[in-house]
C-alpha atoms as a PDB file:
ATOM      1  CA  LEU A   1     113.297 243.212 204.569  1.00  0.00           C
ATOM      2  CA  GLY A   2     110.764 241.518 202.317  1.00  0.00           C
ATOM      3  CA  ASP A   3     108.425 244.517 202.605  1.00  0.00           C
ATOM      4  CA  LEU A   4     110.851 246.922 200.877  1.00  0.00           C
ATOM      5  CA  GLU A   5     109.369 246.249 197.456  1.00  0.00           C
ATOM      6  CA  ASN A   6     110.648 249.509 195.911  1.00  0.00           C
ATOM      7  CA  LEU A   7     114.255 248.838 196.886  1.00  0.00           C
ATOM      8  CA  THR A   8     116.604 248.809 193.891  1.00  0.00           C
ATOM      9  CA  VAL A   9     120.008 248.342 195.571  1.00  0.00           C
ATOM     10  CA  LEU A  10     120.805 246.190 198.610  1.00  0.00           C
ATOM     11  CA  HIS A  11     124.479 246.332 199.521  1.00  0.00           C
ATOM     12  CA  LEU A  12     125.318 244.535 202.793  1.00  0.00           C
ATOM     13  CA  CYS A  13     128.812 243.255 202.082  1.00  0.00           C
ATOM     14  CA  CYS A  14     131.653 243.060 204.561  1.00  0.00           C
ATOM     15  CA  ASN A  15     129.567 242.714 207.698  1.00  0.00           C
ATOM     16  CA  GLN A  16     129.296 239.746 209.975  1.00  0.00           C
ATOM     17  CA  LEU A  17     125.806 238.719 208.914  1.00  0.00           C
ATOM     18  CA  THR A  18     124.957 235.145 209.881  1.00  0.00           C
ATOM     19  CA  GLY A  19     122.070 232.811 209.227  1.00  0.00           C
ATOM     20  CA  LEU A  20     120.091 232.066 206.112  1.00  0.00           C
ATOM     21  CA  ILE A  21     119.225 234.274 203.166  1.00  0.00           C
ATOM     22  CA  PRO A  22     115.490 234.688 203.835  1.00  0.00           C
ATOM     23  CA  PRO A  23     113.099 233.483 201.131  1.00  0.00           C
ATOM     24  CA  GLU A  24     111.377 236.883 201.414  1.00  0.00           C
ATOM     25  CA  ILE A  25     114.295 238.219 199.366  1.00  0.00           C
ATOM     26  CA  GLY A  26     112.171 237.147 196.405  1.00  0.00           C
ATOM     27  CA  ASN A  27     109.704 239.954 197.215  1.00  0.00           C
ATOM     28  CA  LEU A  28     112.288 242.598 196.240  1.00  0.00           C
ATOM     29  CA  THR A  29     111.443 242.391 192.554  1.00  0.00           C
ATOM     30  CA  ASN A  30     112.761 245.887 191.768  1.00  0.00           C
ATOM     31  CA  LEU A  31     116.300 245.061 192.880  1.00  0.00           C
ATOM     32  CA  TRP A  32     118.967 245.442 190.229  1.00  0.00           C
ATOM     33  CA  HIS A  33     121.973 245.097 192.561  1.00  0.00           C
ATOM     34  CA  LEU A  34     122.217 242.557 195.406  1.00  0.00           C
ATOM     35  CA  GLU A  35     125.511 242.362 197.309  1.00  0.00           C
ATOM     36  CA  LEU A  36     125.725 240.003 200.291  1.00  0.00           C
ATOM     37  CA  GLY A  37     129.367 238.977 199.925  1.00  0.00           C
ATOM     38  CA  TRP A  38     132.005 238.832 202.653  1.00  0.00           C
ATOM     39  CA  ASN A  39     129.611 237.743 205.395  1.00  0.00           C
ATOM     40  CA  GLN A  40     128.969 234.477 207.202  1.00  0.00           C
ATOM     41  CA  LEU A  41     125.666 233.542 205.600  1.00  0.00           C
ATOM     42  CA  SER A  42     124.879 229.824 205.618  1.00  0.00           C
ATOM     43  CA  GLY A  43     122.328 227.413 204.242  1.00  0.00           C
ATOM     44  CA  GLU A  44     121.132 227.181 200.672  1.00  0.00           C
ATOM     45  CA  ILE A  45     120.540 229.936 198.140  1.00  0.00           C
ATOM     46  CA  PRO A  46     116.733 230.250 198.248  1.00  0.00           C
ATOM     47  CA  SER A  47     114.920 229.361 195.033  1.00  0.00           C
ATOM     48  CA  GLU A  48     112.992 232.631 195.449  1.00  0.00           C
ATOM     49  CA  ILE A  49     116.109 234.399 194.159  1.00  0.00           C
ATOM     50  CA  GLY A  50     114.680 233.522 190.745  1.00  0.00           C
ATOM     51  CA  TYR A  51     111.949 236.150 191.207  1.00  0.00           C
ATOM     52  CA  LEU A  52     114.535 238.961 191.047  1.00  0.00           C
ATOM     53  CA  THR A  53     114.381 239.238 187.276  1.00  0.00           C
ATOM     54  CA  ASN A  54     115.613 242.852 187.226  1.00  0.00           C
ATOM     55  CA  LEU A  55     118.960 241.952 188.799  1.00  0.00           C
ATOM     56  CA  THR A  56     122.032 242.936 186.830  1.00  0.00           C
ATOM     57  CA  ASP A  57     124.503 242.150 189.640  1.00  0.00           C
ATOM     58  CA  LEU A  58     124.358 239.293 192.140  1.00  0.00           C
ATOM     59  CA  TRP A  59     127.207 238.952 194.636  1.00  0.00           C
ATOM     60  CA  LEU A  60     126.885 236.107 197.154  1.00  0.00           C
ATOM     61  CA  HIS A  61     130.598 235.308 197.326  1.00  0.00           C
ATOM     62  CA  THR A  62     132.717 234.612 200.406  1.00  0.00           C
ATOM     63  CA  ASN A  63     130.038 233.188 202.672  1.00  0.00           C
ATOM     64  CA  GLN A  64     129.289 229.684 203.927  1.00  0.00           C
ATOM     65  CA  LEU A  65     126.465 228.859 201.527  1.00  0.00           C
ATOM     66  CA  THR A  66     125.808 225.159 200.931  1.00  0.00           C
ATOM     67  CA  GLY A  67     123.707 222.976 198.671  1.00  0.00           C
ATOM     68  CA  GLU A  68     123.241 223.307 194.949  1.00  0.00           C
ATOM     69  CA  ILE A  69     122.874 226.406 192.824  1.00  0.00           C
ATOM     70  CA  PRO A  70     119.087 226.625 192.366  1.00  0.00           C
ATOM     71  CA  PRO A  71     117.971 226.188 188.748  1.00  0.00           C
ATOM     72  CA  GLU A  72     115.788 229.292 189.197  1.00  0.00           C
ATOM     73  CA  ILE A  73     118.978 231.331 188.834  1.00  0.00           C
ATOM     74  CA  GLY A  74     118.371 230.890 185.092  1.00  0.00           C
ATOM     75  CA  ASN A  75     115.391 233.258 185.393  1.00  0.00           C
ATOM     76  CA  LEU A  76     117.771 236.176 185.999  1.00  0.00           C
ATOM     77  CA  THR A  77     118.258 236.922 182.322  1.00  0.00           C
ATOM     78  CA  ASN A  78     119.306 240.546 182.958  1.00  0.00           C
ATOM     79  CA  LEU A  79     122.380 239.496 184.962  1.00  0.00           C
ATOM     80  CA  TYR A  80     125.710 240.867 183.839  1.00  0.00           C
ATOM     81  CA  TYR A  81     127.684 239.787 186.892  1.00  0.00           C
ATOM     82  CA  LEU A  82     127.235 236.619 188.982  1.00  0.00           C
ATOM     83  CA  ASN A  83     129.680 235.833 191.770  1.00  0.00           C
ATOM     84  CA  LEU A  84     129.020 232.750 193.914  1.00  0.00           C
ATOM     85  CA  SER A  85     132.690 232.020 194.633  1.00  0.00           C
ATOM     86  CA  GLN A  86     134.218 231.000 197.953  1.00  0.00           C
ATOM     87  CA  ASN A  87     131.255 229.161 199.390  1.00  0.00           C
ATOM     88  CA  GLN A  88     130.581 225.469 199.956  1.00  0.00           C
ATOM     89  CA  LEU A  89     128.236 224.920 197.017  1.00  0.00           C
ATOM     90  CA  THR A  90     127.973 221.384 195.650  1.00  0.00           C
ATOM     91  CA  GLY A  91     126.342 219.525 192.782  1.00  0.00           C
ATOM     92  CA  GLU A  92     126.423 220.300 189.115  1.00  0.00           C
ATOM     93  CA  ILE A  93     126.187 223.754 187.621  1.00  0.00           C
ATOM     94  CA  PRO A  94     122.535 223.975 186.502  1.00  0.00           C
ATOM     95  CA  SER A  95     121.946 224.016 182.761  1.00  0.00           C
ATOM     96  CA  SER A  96     119.680 227.047 183.300  1.00  0.00           C
ATOM     97  CA  ILE A  97     122.897 229.113 183.635  1.00  0.00           C
ATOM     98  CA  GLY A  98     122.826 228.969 179.822  1.00  0.00           C
ATOM     99  CA  ASN A  99     119.792 231.293 179.900  1.00  0.00           C
ATOM    100  CA  LEU A 100     121.992 234.104 181.221  1.00  0.00           C
ATOM    101  CA  THR A 101     123.038 235.393 177.826  1.00  0.00           C
ATOM    102  CA  ASN A 102     123.898 238.887 179.114  1.00  0.00           C
ATOM    103  CA  LEU A 103     126.555 237.637 181.553  1.00  0.00           C
ATOM    104  CA  THR A 104     129.941 239.299 181.272  1.00  0.00           C
ATOM    105  CA  ALA A 105     131.342 237.703 184.451  1.00  0.00           C
ATOM    106  CA  LEU A 106     130.538 234.305 185.970  1.00  0.00           C
ATOM    107  CA  ILE A 107     132.640 233.504 189.027  1.00  0.00           C
ATOM    108  CA  LEU A 108     132.065 230.139 190.696  1.00  0.00           C
ATOM    109  CA  SER A 109     135.576 229.347 191.979  1.00  0.00           C
ATOM    110  CA  ASN A 110     136.388 227.806 195.349  1.00  0.00           C
ATOM    111  CA  ASN A 111     133.276 225.669 195.655  1.00  0.00           C
ATOM    112  CA  CYS A 112     132.766 221.920 195.158  1.00  0.00           C
ATOM    113  CA  LEU A 113     130.800 222.079 191.903  1.00  0.00           C
ATOM    114  CA  GLY A 114     130.613 219.470 189.154  1.00  0.00           C
ATOM    115  CA  ALA A 115     131.239 220.020 185.478  1.00  0.00           C
ATOM    116  CA  ALA A 116     129.584 222.827 183.574  1.00  0.00           C
ATOM    117  CA  PRO A 117     126.726 221.723 181.298  1.00  0.00           C
ATOM    118  CA  SER A 118     127.571 221.206 177.661  1.00  0.00           C
ATOM    119  CA  SER A 119     126.331 223.880 175.278  1.00  0.00           C
ATOM    120  CA  HIS A 120     126.224 221.539 172.274  1.00  0.00           C
ATOM    121  CA  SER A 121     124.767 218.147 171.570  1.00  0.00           C
ATOM    122  CA  ASN A 122     126.652 215.066 170.499  1.00  0.00           C
ATOM    123  CA  ASN A 123     125.756 214.489 166.846  1.00  0.00           C
ATOM    124  CA  THR A 124     127.101 210.992 166.242  1.00  0.00           C
END
């Protein structure tokens, strides 16, 4: 999969895929749409996802992903749609999410995430 460097769309939803998202996913730097939802993927979201800077849509929902949202997700500044819902993600939402200024939809429901980072400072 990691050798398909010219791939622009990878849509594998609604299968019964199991196992980890391979770190080689980061080699697919021309991707603009990545859909892996409605599978049985497990393990952590690889930090290499941050190399996919052309992504406009990232759908990893309805899997069994664990661990924290990697801060490298903030590198995906072209994202319009991010769906990580219905997994088993933990920890705090990384402040790097604030870099995603083009987002029109951020869906993180049905996880075990902490509070969203504050977008303003306390001027007392």
